[in-house]
Amino acid sequence: MAQESPQDAYLRWPATIVTVFWVLCVQVVIVATWQLLSLVKNDRIFTEASLKWVDAIVWAIAAAWLVLVGVFLYVGFNADDPGLPLLLFLLTVGVTVLGLLMVVMRALLRQATTLRTDMEAVI
């Protein structure tokens, strides 16, 4: 990158750090999903244990979104063509939708967990 664009050579390490952070966020989502699938297999998805894994997914998506917005703003203010800012905008919208969907799913899981606990108390 430094040879092709010497004016952007200073971005090598910040871009590497941001990329590693996003990979870490994706790995957190994968591990949490794996744990949720194991809870489904053991028929324990509607317990309090599942809520911490869903919270981990929500926080990982929120952290990745926050960094993505920072990158979008930096690139948007320093870009000379609209291609990359438009791509980052669309990616930001997609991650926003995914994050909001996970917040709704977390609320539904919390409500289903409460209802199952109430049903087990009645039975």
PDB file of N, CA and C in Angstrom:
ATOM      1  N   MET A   1       0.833  -1.188   0.000  1.00  0.00           N
ATOM      2  CA  MET A   1       0.000   0.000   0.000  1.00  0.00           C
ATOM      3  C   MET A   1       0.879   1.254   0.000  1.00  0.00           C
ATOM      4  N   ALA A   2       1.967   1.196   0.747  1.00  0.00           N
ATOM      5  CA  ALA A   2       2.845   2.363   0.837  1.00  0.00           C
ATOM      6  C   ALA A   2       3.527   2.647  -0.497  1.00  0.00           C
ATOM      7  N   GLN A   3       3.824   1.609  -1.282  1.00  0.00           N
ATOM      8  CA  GLN A   3       4.461   1.812  -2.580  1.00  0.00           C
ATOM      9  C   GLN A   3       3.482   2.342  -3.614  1.00  0.00           C
ATOM     10  N   GLU A   4       2.242   1.851  -3.582  1.00  0.00           N
ATOM     11  CA  GLU A   4       1.243   2.283  -4.557  1.00  0.00           C
ATOM     12  C   GLU A   4       0.687   3.668  -4.248  1.00  0.00           C
ATOM     13  N   SER A   5       0.475   3.961  -2.971  1.00  0.00           N
ATOM     14  CA  SER A   5      -0.080   5.259  -2.547  1.00  0.00           C
ATOM     15  C   SER A   5       0.754   5.810  -1.399  1.00  0.00           C
ATOM     16  N   PRO A   6       1.866   6.456  -1.691  1.00  0.00           N
ATOM     17  CA  PRO A   6       2.717   6.953  -0.594  1.00  0.00           C
ATOM     18  C   PRO A   6       2.031   8.002   0.287  1.00  0.00           C
ATOM     19  N   GLN A   7       1.027   8.698  -0.256  1.00  0.00           N
ATOM     20  CA  GLN A   7       0.341   9.710   0.557  1.00  0.00           C
ATOM     21  C   GLN A   7      -0.539   9.063   1.621  1.00  0.00           C
ATOM     22  N   ASP A   8      -0.883   7.761   1.456  1.00  0.00           N
ATOM     23  CA  ASP A   8      -1.710   7.051   2.428  1.00  0.00           C
ATOM     24  C   ASP A   8      -0.915   6.036   3.244  1.00  0.00           C
ATOM     25  N   ALA A   9       0.402   6.108   3.209  1.00  0.00           N
ATOM     26  CA  ALA A   9       1.228   5.115   3.904  1.00  0.00           C
ATOM     27  C   ALA A   9       1.024   5.166   5.416  1.00  0.00           C
ATOM     28  N   TYR A  10       0.672   6.312   5.956  1.00  0.00           N
ATOM     29  CA  TYR A  10       0.473   6.430   7.403  1.00  0.00           C
ATOM     30  C   TYR A  10      -0.762   5.654   7.885  1.00  0.00           C
ATOM     31  N   LEU A  11      -1.636   5.240   6.971  1.00  0.00           N
ATOM     32  CA  LEU A  11      -2.845   4.508   7.346  1.00  0.00           C
ATOM     33  C   LEU A  11      -2.635   3.004   7.457  1.00  0.00           C
ATOM     34  N   ARG A  12      -1.410   2.529   7.202  1.00  0.00           N
ATOM     35  CA  ARG A  12      -1.167   1.089   7.206  1.00  0.00           C
ATOM     36  C   ARG A  12      -1.499   0.474   8.554  1.00  0.00           C
ATOM     37  N   TRP A  13      -0.980   1.007   9.637  1.00  0.00           N
ATOM     38  CA  TRP A  13      -1.210   0.411  10.962  1.00  0.00           C
ATOM     39  C   TRP A  13      -2.618   0.656  11.491  1.00  0.00           C
ATOM     40  N   PRO A  14      -3.181   1.855  11.338  1.00  0.00           N
ATOM     41  CA  PRO A  14      -4.577   2.008  11.771  1.00  0.00           C
ATOM     42  C   PRO A  14      -5.537   1.087  11.015  1.00  0.00           C
ATOM     43  N   ALA A  15      -5.323   0.899   9.712  1.00  0.00           N
ATOM     44  CA  ALA A  15      -6.188   0.000   8.943  1.00  0.00           C
ATOM     45  C   ALA A  15      -6.017  -1.441   9.403  1.00  0.00           C
ATOM     46  N   THR A  16      -4.802  -1.825   9.743  1.00  0.00           N
ATOM     47  CA  THR A  16      -4.565  -3.181  10.252  1.00  0.00           C
ATOM     48  C   THR A  16      -5.255  -3.385  11.596  1.00  0.00           C
ATOM     49  N   ILE A  17      -5.169  -2.412  12.477  1.00  0.00           N
ATOM     50  CA  ILE A  17      -5.794  -2.509  13.795  1.00  0.00           C
ATOM     51  C   ILE A  17      -7.316  -2.589  13.667  1.00  0.00           C
ATOM     52  N   VAL A  18      -7.900  -1.768  12.812  1.00  0.00           N
ATOM     53  CA  VAL A  18      -9.354  -1.788  12.614  1.00  0.00           C
ATOM     54  C   VAL A  18      -9.790  -3.130  12.038  1.00  0.00           C
ATOM     55  N   THR A  19      -9.030  -3.646  11.084  1.00  0.00           N
ATOM     56  CA  THR A  19      -9.382  -4.934  10.482  1.00  0.00           C
ATOM     57  C   THR A  19      -9.303  -6.068  11.501  1.00  0.00           C
ATOM     58  N   VAL A  20      -8.261  -6.072  12.319  1.00  0.00           N
ATOM     59  CA  VAL A  20      -8.135  -7.102  13.356  1.00  0.00           C
ATOM     60  C   VAL A  20      -9.279  -6.979  14.361  1.00  0.00           C
ATOM     61  N   PHE A  21      -9.678  -5.760  14.692  1.00  0.00           N
ATOM     62  CA  PHE A  21     -10.794  -5.562  15.617  1.00  0.00           C
ATOM     63  C   PHE A  21     -12.091  -6.113  15.036  1.00  0.00           C
ATOM     64  N   TRP A  22     -12.329  -5.867  13.737  1.00  0.00           N
ATOM     65  CA  TRP A  22     -13.546  -6.392  13.109  1.00  0.00           C
ATOM     66  C   TRP A  22     -13.531  -7.912  13.060  1.00  0.00           C
ATOM     67  N   VAL A  23     -12.379  -8.499  12.798  1.00  0.00           N
ATOM     68  CA  VAL A  23     -12.274  -9.964  12.797  1.00  0.00           C
ATOM     69  C   VAL A  23     -12.557 -10.496  14.200  1.00  0.00           C
ATOM     70  N   LEU A  24     -12.072  -9.828  15.223  1.00  0.00           N
ATOM     71  CA  LEU A  24     -12.344 -10.227  16.598  1.00  0.00           C
ATOM     72  C   LEU A  24     -13.839 -10.153  16.900  1.00  0.00           C
ATOM     73  N   CYS A  25     -14.509  -9.095  16.431  1.00  0.00           N
ATOM     74  CA  CYS A  25     -15.954  -8.975  16.638  1.00  0.00           C
ATOM     75  C   CYS A  25     -16.703 -10.104  15.942  1.00  0.00           C
ATOM     76  N   VAL A  26     -16.300 -10.458  14.733  1.00  0.00           N
ATOM     77  CA  VAL A  26     -16.937 -11.559  14.010  1.00  0.00           C
ATOM     78  C   VAL A  26     -16.718 -12.872  14.761  1.00  0.00           C
ATOM     79  N   GLN A  27     -15.529 -13.066  15.301  1.00  0.00           N
ATOM     80  CA  GLN A  27     -15.256 -14.292  16.056  1.00  0.00           C
ATOM     81  C   GLN A  27     -16.098 -14.375  17.323  1.00  0.00           C
ATOM     82  N   VAL A  28     -16.312 -13.253  17.991  1.00  0.00           N
ATOM     83  CA  VAL A  28     -17.182 -13.245  19.177  1.00  0.00           C
ATOM     84  C   VAL A  28     -18.599 -13.656  18.786  1.00  0.00           C
ATOM     85  N   VAL A  29     -19.088 -13.143  17.661  1.00  0.00           N
ATOM     86  CA  VAL A  29     -20.432 -13.501  17.195  1.00  0.00           C
ATOM     87  C   VAL A  29     -20.494 -14.994  16.861  1.00  0.00           C
ATOM     88  N   ILE A  30     -19.459 -15.528  16.238  1.00  0.00           N
ATOM     89  CA  ILE A  30     -19.447 -16.954  15.881  1.00  0.00           C
ATOM     90  C   ILE A  30     -19.443 -17.829  17.129  1.00  0.00           C
ATOM     91  N   VAL A  31     -18.604 -17.501  18.103  1.00  0.00           N
ATOM     92  CA  VAL A  31     -18.533 -18.295  19.332  1.00  0.00           C
ATOM     93  C   VAL A  31     -19.858 -18.208  20.098  1.00  0.00           C
ATOM     94  N   ALA A  32     -20.438 -17.022  20.192  1.00  0.00           N
ATOM     95  CA  ALA A  32     -21.710 -16.874  20.903  1.00  0.00           C
ATOM     96  C   ALA A  32     -22.830 -17.638  20.193  1.00  0.00           C
ATOM     97  N   THR A  33     -22.828 -17.610  18.868  1.00  0.00           N
ATOM     98  CA  THR A  33     -23.830 -18.373  18.119  1.00  0.00           C
ATOM     99  C   THR A  33     -23.641 -19.861  18.344  1.00  0.00           C
ATOM    100  N   TRP A  34     -22.414 -20.301  18.377  1.00  0.00           N
ATOM    101  CA  TRP A  34     -22.116 -21.711  18.636  1.00  0.00           C
ATOM    102  C   TRP A  34     -22.642 -22.122  20.015  1.00  0.00           C
ATOM    103  N   GLN A  35     -22.420 -21.277  21.013  1.00  0.00           N
ATOM    104  CA  GLN A  35     -22.913 -21.566  22.356  1.00  0.00           C
ATOM    105  C   GLN A  35     -24.442 -21.586  22.393  1.00  0.00           C
ATOM    106  N   LEU A  36     -25.066 -20.679  21.667  1.00  0.00           N
ATOM    107  CA  LEU A  36     -26.530 -20.684  21.610  1.00  0.00           C
ATOM    108  C   LEU A  36     -27.052 -21.947  20.935  1.00  0.00           C
ATOM    109  N   LEU A  37     -26.366 -22.404  19.903  1.00  0.00           N
ATOM    110  CA  LEU A  37     -26.782 -23.641  19.246  1.00  0.00           C
ATOM    111  C   LEU A  37     -26.624 -24.844  20.168  1.00  0.00           C
ATOM    112  N   SER A  38     -25.586 -24.833  21.001  1.00  0.00           N
ATOM    113  CA  SER A  38     -25.444 -25.934  21.956  1.00  0.00           C
ATOM    114  C   SER A  38     -26.533 -25.865  23.029  1.00  0.00           C
ATOM    115  N   LEU A  39     -26.976 -24.661  23.388  1.00  0.00           N
ATOM    116  CA  LEU A  39     -28.089 -24.534  24.327  1.00  0.00           C
ATOM    117  C   LEU A  39     -29.392 -25.020  23.692  1.00  0.00           C
ATOM    118  N   VAL A  40     -29.563 -24.789  22.406  1.00  0.00           N
ATOM    119  CA  VAL A  40     -30.744 -25.308  21.708  1.00  0.00           C
ATOM    120  C   VAL A  40     -30.710 -26.824  21.709  1.00  0.00           C
ATOM    121  N   LYS A  41     -29.547 -27.395  21.444  1.00  0.00           N
ATOM    122  CA  LYS A  41     -29.408 -28.846  21.416  1.00  0.00           C
ATOM    123  C   LYS A  41     -29.764 -29.466  22.765  1.00  0.00           C
ATOM    124  N   ASN A  42     -29.388 -28.797  23.847  1.00  0.00           N
ATOM    125  CA  ASN A  42     -29.656 -29.302  25.194  1.00  0.00           C
ATOM    126  C   ASN A  42     -31.020 -28.853  25.733  1.00  0.00           C
ATOM    127  N   ASP A  43     -31.820 -28.202  24.891  1.00  0.00           N
ATOM    128  CA  ASP A  43     -33.141 -27.694  25.267  1.00  0.00           C
ATOM    129  C   ASP A  43     -33.076 -26.736  26.460  1.00  0.00           C
ATOM    130  N   ARG A  44     -32.078 -25.857  26.429  1.00  0.00           N
ATOM    131  CA  ARG A  44     -31.909 -24.856  27.486  1.00  0.00           C
ATOM    132  C   ARG A  44     -31.859 -23.445  26.907  1.00  0.00           C
ATOM    133  N   ILE A  45     -32.428 -23.252  25.727  1.00  0.00           N
ATOM    134  CA  ILE A  45     -32.336 -21.945  25.081  1.00  0.00           C
ATOM    135  C   ILE A  45     -33.157 -20.890  25.823  1.00  0.00           C
ATOM    136  N   PHE A  46     -34.239 -21.305  26.457  1.00  0.00           N
ATOM    137  CA  PHE A  46     -35.081 -20.357  27.170  1.00  0.00           C
ATOM    138  C   PHE A  46     -34.697 -20.277  28.639  1.00  0.00           C
ATOM    139  N   THR A  47     -33.403 -20.085  28.894  1.00  0.00           N
ATOM    140  CA  THR A  47     -32.900 -19.893  30.250  1.00  0.00           C
ATOM    141  C   THR A  47     -32.091 -18.605  30.290  1.00  0.00           C
ATOM    142  N   GLU A  48     -31.730 -18.225  31.488  1.00  0.00           N
ATOM    143  CA  GLU A  48     -30.928 -17.008  31.651  1.00  0.00           C
ATOM    144  C   GLU A  48     -29.531 -17.148  31.046  1.00  0.00           C
ATOM    145  N   ALA A  49     -29.043 -18.375  30.916  1.00  0.00           N
ATOM    146  CA  ALA A  49     -27.707 -18.591  30.347  1.00  0.00           C
ATOM    147  C   ALA A  49     -27.634 -18.136  28.898  1.00  0.00           C
ATOM    148  N   SER A  50     -28.730 -18.239  28.183  1.00  0.00           N
ATOM    149  CA  SER A  50     -28.715 -17.853  26.773  1.00  0.00           C
ATOM    150  C   SER A  50     -28.669 -16.331  26.604  1.00  0.00           C
ATOM    151  N   LEU A  51     -29.169 -15.609  27.584  1.00  0.00           N
ATOM    152  CA  LEU A  51     -29.209 -14.153  27.457  1.00  0.00           C
ATOM    153  C   LEU A  51     -27.812 -13.536  27.444  1.00  0.00           C
ATOM    154  N   LYS A  52     -26.876 -14.122  28.177  1.00  0.00           N
ATOM    155  CA  LYS A  52     -25.522 -13.544  28.179  1.00  0.00           C
ATOM    156  C   LYS A  52     -24.857 -13.712  26.820  1.00  0.00           C
ATOM    157  N   TRP A  53     -25.168 -14.815  26.113  1.00  0.00           N
ATOM    158  CA  TRP A  53     -24.574 -15.017  24.783  1.00  0.00           C
ATOM    159  C   TRP A  53     -25.208 -14.079  23.757  1.00  0.00           C
ATOM    160  N   VAL A  54     -26.496 -13.835  23.888  1.00  0.00           N
ATOM    161  CA  VAL A  54     -27.147 -12.880  22.994  1.00  0.00           C
ATOM    162  C   VAL A  54     -26.627 -11.473  23.269  1.00  0.00           C
ATOM    163  N   ASP A  55     -26.411 -11.155  24.541  1.00  0.00           N
ATOM    164  CA  ASP A  55     -25.823  -9.852  24.874  1.00  0.00           C
ATOM    165  C   ASP A  55     -24.424  -9.711  24.287  1.00  0.00           C
ATOM    166  N   ALA A  56     -23.653 -10.781  24.289  1.00  0.00           N
ATOM    167  CA  ALA A  56     -22.311 -10.742  23.688  1.00  0.00           C
ATOM    168  C   ALA A  56     -22.405 -10.442  22.196  1.00  0.00           C
ATOM    169  N   ILE A  57     -23.369 -11.034  21.525  1.00  0.00           N
ATOM    170  CA  ILE A  57     -23.553 -10.763  20.095  1.00  0.00           C
ATOM    171  C   ILE A  57     -23.937  -9.299  19.878  1.00  0.00           C
ATOM    172  N   VAL A  58     -24.860  -8.808  20.678  1.00  0.00           N
ATOM    173  CA  VAL A  58     -25.306  -7.415  20.527  1.00  0.00           C
ATOM    174  C   VAL A  58     -24.157  -6.455  20.777  1.00  0.00           C
ATOM    175  N   TRP A  59     -23.362  -6.688  21.808  1.00  0.00           N
ATOM    176  CA  TRP A  59     -22.243  -5.788  22.108  1.00  0.00           C
ATOM    177  C   TRP A  59     -21.156  -5.868  21.045  1.00  0.00           C
ATOM    178  N   ALA A  60     -20.904  -7.051  20.488  1.00  0.00           N
ATOM    179  CA  ALA A  60     -19.901  -7.175  19.422  1.00  0.00           C
ATOM    180  C   ALA A  60     -20.356  -6.423  18.171  1.00  0.00           C
ATOM    181  N   ILE A  61     -21.629  -6.543  17.838  1.00  0.00           N
ATOM    182  CA  ILE A  61     -22.146  -5.817  16.678  1.00  0.00           C
ATOM    183  C   ILE A  61     -22.111  -4.313  16.928  1.00  0.00           C
ATOM    184  N   ALA A  62     -22.439  -3.891  18.141  1.00  0.00           N
ATOM    185  CA  ALA A  62     -22.414  -2.460  18.472  1.00  0.00           C
ATOM    186  C   ALA A  62     -20.998  -1.897  18.398  1.00  0.00           C
ATOM    187  N   ALA A  63     -20.025  -2.646  18.893  1.00  0.00           N
ATOM    188  CA  ALA A  63     -18.630  -2.174  18.840  1.00  0.00           C
ATOM    189  C   ALA A  63     -18.140  -2.097  17.398  1.00  0.00           C
ATOM    190  N   ALA A  64     -18.462  -3.112  16.599  1.00  0.00           N
ATOM    191  CA  ALA A  64     -18.057  -3.094  15.187  1.00  0.00           C
ATOM    192  C   ALA A  64     -18.745  -1.945  14.448  1.00  0.00           C
ATOM    193  N   TRP A  65     -20.024  -1.693  14.777  1.00  0.00           N
ATOM    194  CA  TRP A  65     -20.754  -0.594  14.139  1.00  0.00           C
ATOM    195  C   TRP A  65     -20.123   0.755  14.480  1.00  0.00           C
ATOM    196  N   LEU A  66     -19.742   0.928  15.735  1.00  0.00           N
ATOM    197  CA  LEU A  66     -19.154   2.193  16.158  1.00  0.00           C
ATOM    198  C   LEU A  66     -17.848   2.467  15.412  1.00  0.00           C
ATOM    199  N   VAL A  67     -17.008   1.454  15.284  1.00  0.00           N
ATOM    200  CA  VAL A  67     -15.752   1.621  14.552  1.00  0.00           C
ATOM    201  C   VAL A  67     -16.039   1.848  13.069  1.00  0.00           C
ATOM    202  N   LEU A  68     -17.037   1.143  12.535  1.00  0.00           N
ATOM    203  CA  LEU A  68     -17.397   1.318  11.130  1.00  0.00           C
ATOM    204  C   LEU A  68     -17.877   2.736  10.845  1.00  0.00           C
ATOM    205  N   VAL A  69     -18.651   3.302  11.738  1.00  0.00           N
ATOM    206  CA  VAL A  69     -19.110   4.687  11.569  1.00  0.00           C
ATOM    207  C   VAL A  69     -17.917   5.642  11.598  1.00  0.00           C
ATOM    208  N   GLY A  70     -16.958   5.381  12.498  1.00  0.00           N
ATOM    209  CA  GLY A  70     -15.750   6.210  12.529  1.00  0.00           C
ATOM    210  C   GLY A  70     -14.965   6.136  11.229  1.00  0.00           C
ATOM    211  N   VAL A  71     -14.814   4.937  10.698  1.00  0.00           N
ATOM    212  CA  VAL A  71     -14.111   4.763   9.419  1.00  0.00           C
ATOM    213  C   VAL A  71     -14.893   5.439   8.299  1.00  0.00           C
ATOM    214  N   PHE A  72     -16.216   5.288   8.304  1.00  0.00           N
ATOM    215  CA  PHE A  72     -17.058   5.912   7.279  1.00  0.00           C
ATOM    216  C   PHE A  72     -16.914   7.435   7.310  1.00  0.00           C
ATOM    217  N   LEU A  73     -16.932   8.020   8.498  1.00  0.00           N
ATOM    218  CA  LEU A  73     -16.794   9.475   8.595  1.00  0.00           C
ATOM    219  C   LEU A  73     -15.419   9.938   8.144  1.00  0.00           C
ATOM    220  N   TYR A  74     -14.376   9.212   8.540  1.00  0.00           N
ATOM    221  CA  TYR A  74     -13.021   9.593   8.134  1.00  0.00           C
ATOM    222  C   TYR A  74     -12.868   9.507   6.614  1.00  0.00           C
ATOM    223  N   VAL A  75     -13.309   8.402   6.054  1.00  0.00           N
ATOM    224  CA  VAL A  75     -13.183   8.226   4.603  1.00  0.00           C
ATOM    225  C   VAL A  75     -14.089   9.212   3.872  1.00  0.00           C
ATOM    226  N   GLY A  76     -15.283   9.433   4.406  1.00  0.00           N
ATOM    227  CA  GLY A  76     -16.221  10.352   3.764  1.00  0.00           C
ATOM    228  C   GLY A  76     -15.697  11.771   3.672  1.00  0.00           C
ATOM    229  N   PHE A  77     -15.017  12.233   4.702  1.00  0.00           N
ATOM    230  CA  PHE A  77     -14.497  13.596   4.688  1.00  0.00           C
ATOM    231  C   PHE A  77     -13.205  13.723   3.892  1.00  0.00           C
ATOM    232  N   ASN A  78     -12.501  12.618   3.669  1.00  0.00           N
ATOM    233  CA  ASN A  78     -11.216  12.685   2.970  1.00  0.00           C
ATOM    234  C   ASN A  78     -11.241  12.068   1.574  1.00  0.00           C
ATOM    235  N   ALA A  79     -12.380  11.601   1.116  1.00  0.00           N
ATOM    236  CA  ALA A  79     -12.452  10.922  -0.180  1.00  0.00           C
ATOM    237  C   ALA A  79     -12.551  11.934  -1.317  1.00  0.00           C
ATOM    238  N   ASP A  80     -12.007  11.530  -2.456  1.00  0.00           N
ATOM    239  CA  ASP A  80     -12.122  12.374  -3.644  1.00  0.00           C
ATOM    240  C   ASP A  80     -13.074  11.766  -4.674  1.00  0.00           C
ATOM    241  N   ASP A  81     -13.519  10.540  -4.458  1.00  0.00           N
ATOM    242  CA  ASP A  81     -14.527   9.929  -5.317  1.00  0.00           C
ATOM    243  C   ASP A  81     -15.615   9.319  -4.432  1.00  0.00           C
ATOM    244  N   PRO A  82     -16.826   9.151  -4.941  1.00  0.00           N
ATOM    245  CA  PRO A  82     -17.937   8.694  -4.095  1.00  0.00           C
ATOM    246  C   PRO A  82     -18.038   7.181  -3.927  1.00  0.00           C
ATOM    247  N   GLY A  83     -17.181   6.399  -4.552  1.00  0.00           N
ATOM    248  CA  GLY A  83     -17.320   4.944  -4.526  1.00  0.00           C
ATOM    249  C   GLY A  83     -17.166   4.334  -3.149  1.00  0.00           C
ATOM    250  N   LEU A  84     -16.036   4.567  -2.504  1.00  0.00           N
ATOM    251  CA  LEU A  84     -15.775   3.977  -1.193  1.00  0.00           C
ATOM    252  C   LEU A  84     -16.708   4.516  -0.109  1.00  0.00           C
ATOM    253  N   PRO A  85     -16.972   5.832  -0.050  1.00  0.00           N
ATOM    254  CA  PRO A  85     -17.944   6.285   0.960  1.00  0.00           C
ATOM    255  C   PRO A  85     -19.338   5.687   0.771  1.00  0.00           C
ATOM    256  N   LEU A  86     -19.761   5.498  -0.483  1.00  0.00           N
ATOM    257  CA  LEU A  86     -21.056   4.883  -0.726  1.00  0.00           C
ATOM    258  C   LEU A  86     -21.060   3.432  -0.266  1.00  0.00           C
ATOM    259  N   LEU A  87     -19.993   2.712  -0.543  1.00  0.00           N
ATOM    260  CA  LEU A  87     -19.888   1.325  -0.086  1.00  0.00           C
ATOM    261  C   LEU A  87     -19.897   1.247   1.438  1.00  0.00           C
ATOM    262  N   LEU A  88     -19.158   2.128   2.091  1.00  0.00           N
ATOM    263  CA  LEU A  88     -19.137   2.148   3.550  1.00  0.00           C
ATOM    264  C   LEU A  88     -20.490   2.555   4.123  1.00  0.00           C
ATOM    265  N   PHE A  89     -21.196   3.447   3.441  1.00  0.00           N
ATOM    266  CA  PHE A  89     -22.536   3.824   3.895  1.00  0.00           C
ATOM    267  C   PHE A  89     -23.485   2.629   3.837  1.00  0.00           C
ATOM    268  N   LEU A  90     -23.452   1.903   2.722  1.00  0.00           N
ATOM    269  CA  LEU A  90     -24.308   0.729   2.594  1.00  0.00           C
ATOM    270  C   LEU A  90     -23.950  -0.331   3.625  1.00  0.00           C
ATOM    271  N   LEU A  91     -22.670  -0.515   3.880  1.00  0.00           N
ATOM    272  CA  LEU A  91     -22.234  -1.463   4.905  1.00  0.00           C
ATOM    273  C   LEU A  91     -22.695  -1.016   6.291  1.00  0.00           C
ATOM    274  N   THR A  92     -22.635   0.277   6.554  1.00  0.00           N
ATOM    275  CA  THR A  92     -23.108   0.817   7.828  1.00  0.00           C
ATOM    276  C   THR A  92     -24.606   0.591   7.996  1.00  0.00           C
ATOM    277  N   VAL A  93     -25.362   0.801   6.943  1.00  0.00           N
ATOM    278  CA  VAL A  93     -26.807   0.558   7.001  1.00  0.00           C
ATOM    279  C   VAL A  93     -27.082  -0.921   7.270  1.00  0.00           C
ATOM    280  N   GLY A  94     -26.344  -1.804   6.599  1.00  0.00           N
ATOM    281  CA  GLY A  94     -26.532  -3.239   6.810  1.00  0.00           C
ATOM    282  C   GLY A  94     -26.226  -3.664   8.230  1.00  0.00           C
ATOM    283  N   VAL A  95     -25.130  -3.168   8.792  1.00  0.00           N
ATOM    284  CA  VAL A  95     -24.770  -3.515  10.172  1.00  0.00           C
ATOM    285  C   VAL A  95     -25.769  -2.906  11.148  1.00  0.00           C
ATOM    286  N   THR A  96     -26.292  -1.721  10.837  1.00  0.00           N
ATOM    287  CA  THR A  96     -27.318  -1.106  11.683  1.00  0.00           C
ATOM    288  C   THR A  96     -28.575  -1.969  11.720  1.00  0.00           C
ATOM    289  N   VAL A  97     -29.003  -2.436  10.557  1.00  0.00           N
ATOM    290  CA  VAL A  97     -30.191  -3.294  10.494  1.00  0.00           C
ATOM    291  C   VAL A  97     -29.947  -4.581  11.266  1.00  0.00           C
ATOM    292  N   LEU A  98     -28.766  -5.184  11.096  1.00  0.00           N
ATOM    293  CA  LEU A  98     -28.437  -6.405  11.820  1.00  0.00           C
ATOM    294  C   LEU A  98     -28.440  -6.179  13.333  1.00  0.00           C
ATOM    295  N   GLY A  99     -27.871  -5.068  13.773  1.00  0.00           N
ATOM    296  CA  GLY A  99     -27.852  -4.758  15.201  1.00  0.00           C
ATOM    297  C   GLY A  99     -29.243  -4.542  15.765  1.00  0.00           C
ATOM    298  N   LEU A 100     -30.085  -3.807  15.038  1.00  0.00           N
ATOM    299  CA  LEU A 100     -31.456  -3.587  15.505  1.00  0.00           C
ATOM    300  C   LEU A 100     -32.251  -4.887  15.528  1.00  0.00           C
ATOM    301  N   LEU A 101     -32.016  -5.739  14.545  1.00  0.00           N
ATOM    302  CA  LEU A 101     -32.675  -7.045  14.531  1.00  0.00           C
ATOM    303  C   LEU A 101     -32.267  -7.871  15.742  1.00  0.00           C
ATOM    304  N   MET A 102     -31.001  -7.825  16.102  1.00  0.00           N
ATOM    305  CA  MET A 102     -30.531  -8.573  17.276  1.00  0.00           C
ATOM    306  C   MET A 102     -31.119  -8.006  18.565  1.00  0.00           C
ATOM    307  N   VAL A 103     -31.318  -6.709  18.636  1.00  0.00           N
ATOM    308  CA  VAL A 103     -31.948  -6.120  19.827  1.00  0.00           C
ATOM    309  C   VAL A 103     -33.385  -6.612  19.950  1.00  0.00           C
ATOM    310  N   VAL A 104     -34.099  -6.680  18.840  1.00  0.00           N
ATOM    311  CA  VAL A 104     -35.477  -7.194  18.861  1.00  0.00           C
ATOM    312  C   VAL A 104     -35.476  -8.669  19.254  1.00  0.00           C
ATOM    313  N   MET A 105     -34.561  -9.450  18.684  1.00  0.00           N
ATOM    314  CA  MET A 105     -34.493 -10.875  19.013  1.00  0.00           C
ATOM    315  C   MET A 105     -34.144 -11.079  20.491  1.00  0.00           C
ATOM    316  N   ARG A 106     -33.302 -10.224  21.037  1.00  0.00           N
ATOM    317  CA  ARG A 106     -32.966 -10.323  22.461  1.00  0.00           C
ATOM    318  C   ARG A 106     -34.204 -10.062  23.312  1.00  0.00           C
ATOM    319  N   ALA A 107     -34.994  -9.062  22.935  1.00  0.00           N
ATOM    320  CA  ALA A 107     -36.221  -8.775  23.682  1.00  0.00           C
ATOM    321  C   ALA A 107     -37.205  -9.938  23.591  1.00  0.00           C
ATOM    322  N   LEU A 108     -37.315 -10.545  22.405  1.00  0.00           N
ATOM    323  CA  LEU A 108     -38.206 -11.700  22.261  1.00  0.00           C
ATOM    324  C   LEU A 108     -37.715 -12.884  23.086  1.00  0.00           C
ATOM    325  N   LEU A 109     -36.407 -13.117  23.110  1.00  0.00           N
ATOM    326  CA  LEU A 109     -35.866 -14.209  23.919  1.00  0.00           C
ATOM    327  C   LEU A 109     -36.102 -13.962  25.404  1.00  0.00           C
ATOM    328  N   ARG A 110     -35.930 -12.724  25.824  1.00  0.00           N
ATOM    329  CA  ARG A 110     -36.177 -12.387  27.236  1.00  0.00           C
ATOM    330  C   ARG A 110     -37.640 -12.635  27.600  1.00  0.00           C
ATOM    331  N   GLN A 111     -38.546 -12.240  26.724  1.00  0.00           N
ATOM    332  CA  GLN A 111     -39.972 -12.449  26.990  1.00  0.00           C
ATOM    333  C   GLN A 111     -40.315 -13.942  26.980  1.00  0.00           C
ATOM    334  N   ALA A 112     -39.745 -14.688  26.038  1.00  0.00           N
ATOM    335  CA  ALA A 112     -40.022 -16.130  25.984  1.00  0.00           C
ATOM    336  C   ALA A 112     -39.445 -16.839  27.206  1.00  0.00           C
ATOM    337  N   THR A 113     -38.300 -16.389  27.681  1.00  0.00           N
ATOM    338  CA  THR A 113     -37.706 -16.978  28.879  1.00  0.00           C
ATOM    339  C   THR A 113     -38.588 -16.730  30.090  1.00  0.00           C
ATOM    340  N   THR A 114     -39.121 -15.532  30.199  1.00  0.00           N
ATOM    341  CA  THR A 114     -40.023 -15.213  31.306  1.00  0.00           C
ATOM    342  C   THR A 114     -41.297 -16.050  31.227  1.00  0.00           C
ATOM    343  N   LEU A 115     -41.849 -16.178  30.037  1.00  0.00           N
ATOM    344  CA  LEU A 115     -43.067 -16.976  29.874  1.00  0.00           C
ATOM    345  C   LEU A 115     -42.813 -18.458  30.192  1.00  0.00           C
ATOM    346  N   ARG A 116     -41.673 -18.977  29.776  1.00  0.00           N
ATOM    347  CA  ARG A 116     -41.377 -20.390  30.063  1.00  0.00           C
ATOM    348  C   ARG A 116     -41.190 -20.603  31.566  1.00  0.00           C
ATOM    349  N   THR A 117     -40.539 -19.667  32.227  1.00  0.00           N
ATOM    350  CA  THR A 117     -40.369 -19.768  33.678  1.00  0.00           C
ATOM    351  C   THR A 117     -41.718 -19.744  34.378  1.00  0.00           C
ATOM    352  N   ASP A 118     -42.602 -18.867  33.923  1.00  0.00           N
ATOM    353  CA  ASP A 118     -43.948 -18.804  34.500  1.00  0.00           C
ATOM    354  C   ASP A 118     -44.723 -20.092  34.255  1.00  0.00           C
ATOM    355  N   MET A 119     -44.595 -20.644  33.050  1.00  0.00           N
ATOM    356  CA  MET A 119     -45.288 -21.906  32.720  1.00  0.00           C
ATOM    357  C   MET A 119     -44.769 -23.064  33.565  1.00  0.00           C
ATOM    358  N   GLU A 120     -43.457 -23.118  33.784  1.00  0.00           N
ATOM    359  CA  GLU A 120     -42.900 -24.191  34.611  1.00  0.00           C
ATOM    360  C   GLU A 120     -43.346 -24.043  36.064  1.00  0.00           C
ATOM    361  N   ALA A 121     -43.542 -22.819  36.521  1.00  0.00           N
ATOM    362  CA  ALA A 121     -44.033 -22.602  37.878  1.00  0.00           C
ATOM    363  C   ALA A 121     -45.485 -23.071  38.023  1.00  0.00           C
ATOM    364  N   VAL A 122     -46.271 -22.887  36.971  1.00  0.00           N
ATOM    365  CA  VAL A 122     -47.658 -23.302  37.005  1.00  0.00           C
ATOM    366  C   VAL A 122     -47.770 -24.821  36.941  1.00  0.00           C
ATOM    367  N   ILE A 123     -46.962 -25.419  36.092  1.00  0.00           N
ATOM    368  CA  ILE A 123     -47.028 -26.883  35.929  1.00  0.00           C
ATOM    369  C   ILE A 123     -46.371 -27.519  37.124  1.00  0.00           C
TER     370      ILE A 123
END
